[in-house]
Amino acid sequence: MTTITRTEQADTITYAALIDGVQASFLDIDAETRQVWYVETMSGYERQGLARALWDAANTEAECFHALHHHRTAEGDAFATSVGGSTISTALGYVAECGICNH
């Protein structure tokens, strides 16, 4: 049985997929901007739609955003492409703190 949980700390909201009590996947988002910080599915649980289910659960609460393209890993970019959704942008009031963004 798969259960999705939500845990909030000061600046991070974590959605986790538990299968029979084992954390199989998780998605961390910034509590303020709702930008995805990290998503991971544990070995042996891949290709079951768990990360997509977490993305959908997070977006049901409020719209979430993917990191800017040059801030993503190859895997993060594949996830963003797969699930769809918007990339965070300055049009949304986002200010990135990196050398590429500030030039």
N, C-alpha and C. Protein backbone atom coordinates (compact mmCIF):
# COMPACT_ATOMS: atom_id res chain seq x y z
N MET A 1 0.84 -1.18 0.00
CA MET A 1 0.00 0.00 0.00
C MET A 1 0.89 1.25 0.00
N THR A 2 0.57 2.21 -0.87
CA THR A 2 1.33 3.45 -0.96
C THR A 2 0.59 4.57 -0.24
N THR A 3 1.32 5.30 0.59
CA THR A 3 0.79 6.44 1.32
C THR A 3 1.66 7.65 1.01
N ILE A 4 1.04 8.80 0.81
CA ILE A 4 1.78 10.03 0.61
C ILE A 4 1.66 10.87 1.88
N THR A 5 2.81 11.31 2.38
CA THR A 5 2.84 12.15 3.58
C THR A 5 3.38 13.53 3.21
N ARG A 6 3.09 14.48 4.07
CA ARG A 6 3.56 15.86 3.91
C ARG A 6 4.13 16.30 5.24
N THR A 7 5.38 16.80 5.21
CA THR A 7 6.05 17.30 6.41
C THR A 7 6.58 18.68 6.10
N GLU A 8 6.33 19.64 7.00
CA GLU A 8 6.82 21.00 6.78
C GLU A 8 7.78 21.39 7.87
N GLN A 9 8.93 21.93 7.45
CA GLN A 9 9.89 22.52 8.35
C GLN A 9 9.95 24.01 8.05
N ALA A 10 10.89 24.72 8.62
CA ALA A 10 10.94 26.18 8.48
C ALA A 10 10.90 26.64 7.03
N ASP A 11 11.70 26.05 6.17
CA ASP A 11 11.76 26.54 4.79
C ASP A 11 11.54 25.46 3.75
N THR A 12 11.21 24.26 4.17
CA THR A 12 11.06 23.14 3.25
C THR A 12 9.78 22.37 3.53
N ILE A 13 9.12 21.99 2.45
CA ILE A 13 7.98 21.06 2.54
C ILE A 13 8.42 19.79 1.84
N THR A 14 8.27 18.66 2.52
CA THR A 14 8.65 17.37 1.95
C THR A 14 7.41 16.52 1.78
N TYR A 15 7.23 16.02 0.57
CA TYR A 15 6.20 15.04 0.27
C TYR A 15 6.93 13.72 0.11
N ALA A 16 6.43 12.68 0.76
CA ALA A 16 7.10 11.38 0.69
C ALA A 16 6.09 10.30 0.33
N ALA A 17 6.54 9.34 -0.48
CA ALA A 17 5.73 8.17 -0.82
C ALA A 17 6.25 7.01 0.00
N LEU A 18 5.39 6.48 0.82
CA LEU A 18 5.74 5.33 1.66
C LEU A 18 5.05 4.10 1.11
N ILE A 19 5.81 3.05 0.91
CA ILE A 19 5.25 1.77 0.48
C ILE A 19 5.47 0.80 1.62
N ASP A 20 4.37 0.34 2.19
CA ASP A 20 4.42 -0.55 3.36
C ASP A 20 5.35 -0.01 4.43
N GLY A 21 5.27 1.32 4.67
CA GLY A 21 6.04 1.97 5.72
C GLY A 21 7.46 2.35 5.34
N VAL A 22 7.91 2.01 4.13
CA VAL A 22 9.26 2.33 3.67
C VAL A 22 9.20 3.56 2.77
N GLN A 23 10.05 4.56 3.06
CA GLN A 23 10.09 5.74 2.19
C GLN A 23 10.71 5.36 0.86
N ALA A 24 9.90 5.35 -0.18
CA ALA A 24 10.35 4.94 -1.51
C ALA A 24 10.74 6.12 -2.38
N SER A 25 10.18 7.29 -2.12
CA SER A 25 10.45 8.48 -2.92
C SER A 25 10.12 9.71 -2.10
N PHE A 26 10.81 10.83 -2.41
CA PHE A 26 10.45 12.07 -1.75
C PHE A 26 10.70 13.25 -2.68
N LEU A 27 9.99 14.34 -2.40
CA LEU A 27 10.07 15.58 -3.17
C LEU A 27 10.15 16.71 -2.16
N ASP A 28 11.24 17.49 -2.22
CA ASP A 28 11.41 18.65 -1.35
C ASP A 28 11.14 19.91 -2.17
N ILE A 29 10.33 20.81 -1.61
CA ILE A 29 10.09 22.10 -2.26
C ILE A 29 10.34 23.22 -1.26
N ASP A 30 10.69 24.38 -1.79
CA ASP A 30 10.88 25.57 -0.98
C ASP A 30 9.51 26.02 -0.49
N ALA A 31 9.35 26.22 0.79
CA ALA A 31 8.05 26.58 1.37
C ALA A 31 7.55 27.94 0.89
N GLU A 32 8.46 28.85 0.59
CA GLU A 32 8.06 30.19 0.17
C GLU A 32 7.78 30.28 -1.33
N THR A 33 8.72 29.80 -2.15
CA THR A 33 8.58 29.94 -3.61
C THR A 33 7.89 28.76 -4.27
N ARG A 34 7.82 27.63 -3.57
CA ARG A 34 7.28 26.37 -4.06
C ARG A 34 8.09 25.81 -5.23
N GLN A 35 9.37 26.16 -5.23
CA GLN A 35 10.30 25.62 -6.23
C GLN A 35 10.81 24.25 -5.77
N VAL A 36 10.88 23.30 -6.69
CA VAL A 36 11.43 21.98 -6.37
C VAL A 36 12.91 22.13 -6.07
N TRP A 37 13.31 21.63 -4.91
CA TRP A 37 14.72 21.63 -4.53
C TRP A 37 15.37 20.29 -4.82
N TYR A 38 14.60 19.22 -4.60
CA TYR A 38 15.19 17.89 -4.72
C TYR A 38 14.08 16.86 -4.87
N VAL A 39 14.31 15.89 -5.71
CA VAL A 39 13.39 14.77 -5.83
C VAL A 39 14.23 13.51 -6.01
N GLU A 40 13.83 12.46 -5.32
CA GLU A 40 14.58 11.21 -5.43
C GLU A 40 13.64 10.03 -5.22
N THR A 41 13.89 8.98 -5.99
CA THR A 41 13.21 7.70 -5.81
C THR A 41 14.28 6.67 -5.52
N MET A 42 14.08 5.92 -4.47
CA MET A 42 15.08 4.96 -4.03
C MET A 42 15.18 3.79 -5.00
N SER A 43 16.37 3.20 -5.03
CA SER A 43 16.64 2.05 -5.88
C SER A 43 15.63 0.94 -5.60
N GLY A 44 15.12 0.37 -6.65
CA GLY A 44 14.13 -0.70 -6.52
C GLY A 44 12.69 -0.21 -6.60
N TYR A 45 12.51 1.12 -6.51
CA TYR A 45 11.16 1.69 -6.57
C TYR A 45 10.95 2.57 -7.80
N GLU A 46 11.96 2.62 -8.68
CA GLU A 46 11.87 3.46 -9.86
C GLU A 46 10.77 2.97 -10.81
N ARG A 47 10.35 3.89 -11.67
CA ARG A 47 9.41 3.59 -12.77
C ARG A 47 8.04 3.12 -12.28
N GLN A 48 7.65 3.55 -11.09
CA GLN A 48 6.33 3.21 -10.56
C GLN A 48 5.42 4.43 -10.47
N GLY A 49 5.91 5.59 -10.94
CA GLY A 49 5.11 6.81 -10.91
C GLY A 49 5.07 7.50 -9.56
N LEU A 50 5.99 7.15 -8.67
CA LEU A 50 5.97 7.71 -7.32
C LEU A 50 6.31 9.20 -7.32
N ALA A 51 7.38 9.60 -8.02
CA ALA A 51 7.76 11.01 -8.05
C ALA A 51 6.66 11.84 -8.71
N ARG A 52 6.03 11.32 -9.74
CA ARG A 52 4.91 12.03 -10.38
C ARG A 52 3.75 12.17 -9.40
N ALA A 53 3.47 11.15 -8.63
CA ALA A 53 2.39 11.22 -7.64
C ALA A 53 2.69 12.29 -6.59
N LEU A 54 3.95 12.41 -6.20
CA LEU A 54 4.33 13.44 -5.24
C LEU A 54 4.20 14.83 -5.85
N TRP A 55 4.63 14.99 -7.10
CA TRP A 55 4.47 16.26 -7.82
C TRP A 55 2.99 16.63 -7.88
N ASP A 56 2.15 15.67 -8.23
CA ASP A 56 0.71 15.93 -8.31
C ASP A 56 0.14 16.32 -6.95
N ALA A 57 0.57 15.64 -5.90
CA ALA A 57 0.08 15.95 -4.54
C ALA A 57 0.49 17.36 -4.14
N ALA A 58 1.73 17.73 -4.42
CA ALA A 58 2.22 19.07 -4.09
C ALA A 58 1.45 20.13 -4.87
N ASN A 59 1.18 19.88 -6.14
CA ASN A 59 0.46 20.85 -6.97
C ASN A 59 -1.02 20.94 -6.63
N THR A 60 -1.56 19.93 -6.01
CA THR A 60 -2.95 19.99 -5.56
C THR A 60 -3.08 21.03 -4.45
N GLU A 61 -2.05 21.13 -3.63
CA GLU A 61 -2.04 22.10 -2.54
C GLU A 61 -1.86 23.53 -3.07
N ALA A 62 -0.90 23.73 -3.96
CA ALA A 62 -0.62 25.03 -4.59
C ALA A 62 0.37 24.77 -5.71
N GLU A 63 0.38 25.64 -6.72
CA GLU A 63 1.25 25.43 -7.86
C GLU A 63 2.72 25.37 -7.44
N CYS A 64 3.43 24.40 -8.01
CA CYS A 64 4.86 24.24 -7.77
C CYS A 64 5.62 24.58 -9.05
N PHE A 65 6.91 24.85 -8.89
CA PHE A 65 7.73 25.27 -10.02
C PHE A 65 9.02 24.48 -10.06
N HIS A 66 9.50 24.24 -11.27
CA HIS A 66 10.80 23.60 -11.46
C HIS A 66 11.88 24.66 -11.37
N ALA A 67 13.08 24.23 -11.02
CA ALA A 67 14.24 25.12 -10.98
C ALA A 67 14.56 25.59 -12.40
N LEU A 68 15.28 26.69 -12.49
CA LEU A 68 15.75 27.17 -13.78
C LEU A 68 16.55 26.06 -14.46
N HIS A 69 16.53 26.03 -15.79
CA HIS A 69 17.17 24.94 -16.54
C HIS A 69 18.62 24.72 -16.13
N HIS A 70 19.40 25.78 -15.99
CA HIS A 70 20.82 25.60 -15.68
C HIS A 70 21.06 25.27 -14.20
N HIS A 71 20.02 25.21 -13.40
CA HIS A 71 20.16 24.80 -12.00
C HIS A 71 19.80 23.32 -11.82
N ARG A 72 19.35 22.67 -12.87
CA ARG A 72 18.90 21.27 -12.78
C ARG A 72 20.01 20.30 -13.14
N THR A 73 19.95 19.13 -12.52
CA THR A 73 20.78 18.02 -12.97
C THR A 73 20.11 17.43 -14.21
N ALA A 74 20.78 16.54 -14.88
CA ALA A 74 20.18 15.86 -16.04
C ALA A 74 18.92 15.10 -15.60
N GLU A 75 19.00 14.47 -14.44
CA GLU A 75 17.85 13.72 -13.94
C GLU A 75 16.70 14.66 -13.57
N GLY A 76 17.05 15.81 -12.97
CA GLY A 76 16.04 16.79 -12.62
C GLY A 76 15.36 17.37 -13.84
N ASP A 77 16.13 17.57 -14.90
CA ASP A 77 15.56 18.06 -16.15
C ASP A 77 14.62 17.02 -16.76
N ALA A 78 15.01 15.76 -16.71
CA ALA A 78 14.15 14.69 -17.22
C ALA A 78 12.85 14.61 -16.42
N PHE A 79 12.94 14.79 -15.10
CA PHE A 79 11.74 14.80 -14.26
C PHE A 79 10.84 15.96 -14.65
N ALA A 80 11.40 17.16 -14.78
CA ALA A 80 10.61 18.34 -15.14
C ALA A 80 9.93 18.16 -16.49
N THR A 81 10.65 17.61 -17.44
CA THR A 81 10.08 17.37 -18.77
C THR A 81 8.96 16.34 -18.69
N SER A 82 9.17 15.31 -17.90
CA SER A 82 8.19 14.23 -17.78
C SER A 82 6.88 14.68 -17.14
N VAL A 83 6.97 15.41 -16.03
CA VAL A 83 5.75 15.77 -15.30
C VAL A 83 5.11 17.06 -15.80
N GLY A 84 5.87 17.87 -16.56
CA GLY A 84 5.33 19.14 -17.03
C GLY A 84 5.32 20.17 -15.91
N GLY A 85 4.66 21.26 -16.15
CA GLY A 85 4.61 22.32 -15.16
C GLY A 85 5.52 23.46 -15.54
N SER A 86 5.43 24.53 -14.78
CA SER A 86 6.16 25.76 -15.08
C SER A 86 7.53 25.77 -14.41
N THR A 87 8.44 26.49 -15.05
CA THR A 87 9.75 26.76 -14.48
C THR A 87 9.66 28.09 -13.75
N ILE A 88 10.27 28.16 -12.58
CA ILE A 88 10.24 29.41 -11.82
C ILE A 88 10.93 30.50 -12.63
N SER A 89 10.49 31.74 -12.47
CA SER A 89 11.06 32.82 -13.28
C SER A 89 11.02 34.14 -12.53
N THR A 90 11.75 35.09 -13.05
CA THR A 90 11.74 36.43 -12.47
C THR A 90 10.37 37.06 -12.63
N ALA A 91 9.60 36.64 -13.63
CA ALA A 91 8.25 37.17 -13.81
C ALA A 91 7.37 36.82 -12.61
N LEU A 92 7.76 35.78 -11.89
CA LEU A 92 7.02 35.36 -10.70
C LEU A 92 7.60 36.00 -9.44
N GLY A 93 8.57 36.89 -9.63
CA GLY A 93 9.20 37.55 -8.49
C GLY A 93 10.38 36.80 -7.94
N TYR A 94 10.83 35.76 -8.62
CA TYR A 94 11.94 34.94 -8.15
C TYR A 94 13.27 35.62 -8.47
N VAL A 95 14.15 35.66 -7.50
CA VAL A 95 15.49 36.19 -7.69
C VAL A 95 16.48 35.07 -7.38
N ALA A 96 17.17 34.61 -8.42
CA ALA A 96 18.15 33.54 -8.24
C ALA A 96 19.45 34.12 -7.72
N GLU A 97 20.12 33.35 -6.89
CA GLU A 97 21.40 33.80 -6.33
C GLU A 97 22.52 32.94 -6.90
N CYS A 98 22.84 33.20 -8.17
CA CYS A 98 23.96 32.50 -8.77
C CYS A 98 24.60 33.39 -9.82
N GLY A 99 25.84 33.12 -10.15
CA GLY A 99 26.58 33.94 -11.10
C GLY A 99 25.96 33.96 -12.48
N ILE A 100 25.40 32.87 -12.93
CA ILE A 100 24.79 32.83 -14.25
C ILE A 100 23.54 33.70 -14.28
N CYS A 101 22.74 33.62 -13.24
CA CYS A 101 21.48 34.36 -13.19
C CYS A 101 21.70 35.87 -13.01
N ASN A 102 22.78 36.23 -12.36
CA ASN A 102 22.99 37.64 -12.04
C ASN A 102 23.82 38.39 -13.07
N HIS A 103 24.07 37.76 -14.22
CA HIS A 103 24.81 38.44 -15.29
C HIS A 103 23.97 38.60 -16.52
